[in-house]
Amino acid sequence: MIILYLGDSRQLNDSGFKKWVSNLDNWNEWIGIERDFRLCGSLRDAYSKSQKLGERLLDPYIIQDWNAMLQQMQSTFMKEDKVAAYISKQFTDLAKKSGIQPVNNIRKEVEDFREALMKERSRLITNETKLFDKISPKI
């Protein structure tokens, strides 16, 4: 969603773009976007329930796999939190620069930010794939 949001800014004329960038420090908007970026609440809920269930497992092999799955979930949450914080900081920084820097410089920064998010999204997808590998039964 955020990548699309940033991409949409390409269509704006210079004055519309400057206004759009200056509004990036709108706390309500970017906090909502930050929350949208995070994985769905059901994964966090599943993690909580998995921790409780894992404590009840007796088979050492199952517990080892279970702990590996929980560690992968924690890793996913940590990466997701870092990216969300990065997005928030970038939005604030870009908004501050909107009245100072030339529009072309800001456009380049927005595009660079968008490209960095696409790369990070790819890394998160890889991390989530590893998580699903831990959850899925081996055939």
Protein backbone atom coordinates (compact mmCIF):
# COMPACT_ATOMS: atom_id res chain seq x y z
CA MET A 1 0.00 0.00 0.00
CA ILE A 2 2.77 2.44 0.91
CA ILE A 3 4.70 1.69 -2.26
CA LEU A 4 1.58 2.49 -4.28
CA TYR A 5 0.99 5.61 -2.18
CA LEU A 6 4.50 6.83 -2.98
CA GLY A 7 4.14 5.88 -6.63
CA ASP A 8 0.93 7.88 -6.94
CA SER A 9 2.90 11.03 -6.13
CA ARG A 10 4.59 10.76 -9.54
CA GLN A 11 1.37 11.91 -11.17
CA LEU A 12 1.22 15.20 -9.26
CA ASN A 13 2.36 18.50 -10.69
CA ASP A 14 5.08 20.32 -8.75
CA SER A 15 2.78 22.37 -6.53
CA GLY A 16 0.54 19.38 -5.81
CA PHE A 17 3.63 17.26 -5.09
CA LYS A 18 5.06 19.83 -2.64
CA LYS A 19 1.72 19.97 -0.82
CA TRP A 20 1.54 16.16 -0.74
CA VAL A 21 5.08 15.92 0.69
CA SER A 22 4.46 18.62 3.27
CA ASN A 23 1.47 16.62 4.53
CA LEU A 24 3.59 13.50 5.11
CA ASP A 25 4.15 14.66 8.67
CA ASN A 26 0.42 14.32 9.34
CA TRP A 27 0.63 12.06 12.38
CA ASN A 28 -2.76 10.47 11.94
CA GLU A 29 -2.13 9.59 8.31
CA TRP A 30 1.31 8.05 8.65
CA ILE A 31 0.55 6.26 11.89
CA GLY A 32 -2.39 4.64 10.09
CA ILE A 33 -0.12 3.73 7.20
CA GLU A 34 2.49 2.40 9.63
CA ARG A 35 -0.15 0.18 11.24
CA ASP A 36 -1.35 -1.00 7.83
CA PHE A 37 2.21 -1.99 6.99
CA ARG A 38 2.46 -4.35 9.93
CA LEU A 39 1.36 -7.92 9.54
CA CYS A 40 -2.23 -8.65 10.31
CA GLY A 41 -3.22 -8.91 13.94
CA SER A 42 -4.11 -12.56 13.45
CA LEU A 43 -0.42 -13.48 13.15
CA ARG A 44 0.33 -11.71 16.43
CA ASP A 45 -2.63 -13.48 18.01
CA ALA A 46 -1.44 -16.81 16.61
CA TYR A 47 2.00 -16.13 18.08
CA SER A 48 0.56 -15.52 21.53
CA LYS A 49 -1.54 -18.69 21.38
CA SER A 50 1.39 -20.67 19.97
CA GLN A 51 3.57 -19.68 22.91
CA LYS A 52 0.97 -21.03 25.33
CA LEU A 53 0.45 -24.22 23.35
CA GLY A 54 4.19 -24.79 23.00
CA GLU A 55 4.53 -24.89 26.76
CA ARG A 56 2.19 -27.90 26.81
CA LEU A 57 4.09 -29.97 24.24
CA LEU A 58 6.11 -32.82 25.66
CA ASP A 59 7.95 -34.31 22.67
CA PRO A 60 11.45 -32.70 22.52
CA TYR A 61 11.50 -32.85 18.69
CA ILE A 62 8.18 -31.03 18.47
CA ILE A 63 9.30 -28.47 21.05
CA GLN A 64 12.49 -27.77 19.06
CA ASP A 65 10.48 -27.19 15.85
CA TRP A 66 7.95 -25.19 17.82
CA ASN A 67 10.63 -22.93 19.28
CA ALA A 68 12.14 -22.43 15.82
CA MET A 69 8.74 -21.37 14.54
CA LEU A 70 8.28 -18.93 17.42
CA GLN A 71 11.74 -17.47 16.81
CA GLN A 72 10.89 -16.98 13.14
CA MET A 73 7.67 -15.20 14.13
CA GLN A 74 9.60 -12.92 16.49
CA SER A 75 12.11 -12.18 13.75
CA THR A 76 9.28 -11.25 11.39
CA PHE A 77 7.78 -8.88 13.97
CA MET A 78 11.13 -7.22 14.66
CA LYS A 79 11.84 -6.63 10.97
CA GLU A 80 8.34 -5.35 10.43
CA ASP A 81 8.68 -2.92 13.35
CA LYS A 82 11.99 -1.59 12.01
CA VAL A 83 10.54 -0.98 8.57
CA ALA A 84 7.47 0.74 10.03
CA ALA A 85 9.73 3.03 12.10
CA TYR A 86 11.83 3.76 9.00
CA ILE A 87 8.70 4.69 7.04
CA SER A 88 7.56 7.05 9.79
CA LYS A 89 10.96 8.74 9.96
CA GLN A 90 11.17 9.11 6.18
CA PHE A 91 7.70 10.65 6.02
CA THR A 92 8.63 13.18 8.70
CA ASP A 93 12.00 13.98 7.11
CA LEU A 94 10.48 14.44 3.66
CA ALA A 95 7.78 16.72 5.02
CA LYS A 96 10.42 18.91 6.70
CA LYS A 97 12.41 19.15 3.47
CA SER A 98 9.35 20.11 1.39
CA GLY A 99 9.72 23.81 2.10
CA ILE A 100 13.51 23.86 1.86
CA GLN A 101 14.71 21.70 -1.02
CA PRO A 102 13.91 22.00 -4.73
CA VAL A 103 11.02 19.83 -5.90
CA ASN A 104 13.23 17.69 -8.16
CA ASN A 105 15.47 16.77 -5.21
CA ILE A 106 12.46 15.77 -3.14
CA ARG A 107 10.98 13.77 -6.03
CA LYS A 108 14.27 11.84 -6.24
CA GLU A 109 14.23 11.19 -2.49
CA VAL A 110 10.65 9.93 -2.67
CA GLU A 111 11.57 7.62 -5.56
CA ASP A 112 14.66 6.35 -3.72
CA PHE A 113 12.50 5.75 -0.64
CA ARG A 114 9.97 3.86 -2.73
CA GLU A 115 12.70 1.65 -4.24
CA ALA A 116 14.15 0.94 -0.78
CA LEU A 117 10.69 -0.11 0.42
CA MET A 118 10.26 -2.45 -2.53
CA LYS A 119 13.56 -4.15 -1.64
CA GLU A 120 12.58 -4.38 2.02
CA ARG A 121 9.17 -5.76 1.06
CA SER A 122 10.95 -8.50 -0.87
CA ARG A 123 13.06 -9.31 2.22
CA LEU A 124 9.95 -9.45 4.41
CA ILE A 125 8.24 -11.78 1.95
CA THR A 126 11.30 -14.04 2.10
CA ASN A 127 11.17 -13.96 5.90
CA GLU A 128 7.46 -14.77 5.88
CA THR A 129 8.10 -17.64 3.47
CA LYS A 130 10.60 -19.06 5.95
CA LEU A 131 7.96 -18.70 8.63
CA PHE A 132 5.40 -20.59 6.56
CA ASP A 133 8.01 -23.30 5.91
CA LYS A 134 8.30 -23.75 9.67
CA ILE A 135 4.52 -23.90 10.10
CA SER A 136 3.70 -26.12 7.14
CA PRO A 137 3.98 -29.87 7.60
CA LYS A 138 6.81 -31.53 5.70
CA ILE A 139 5.59 -34.02 3.07
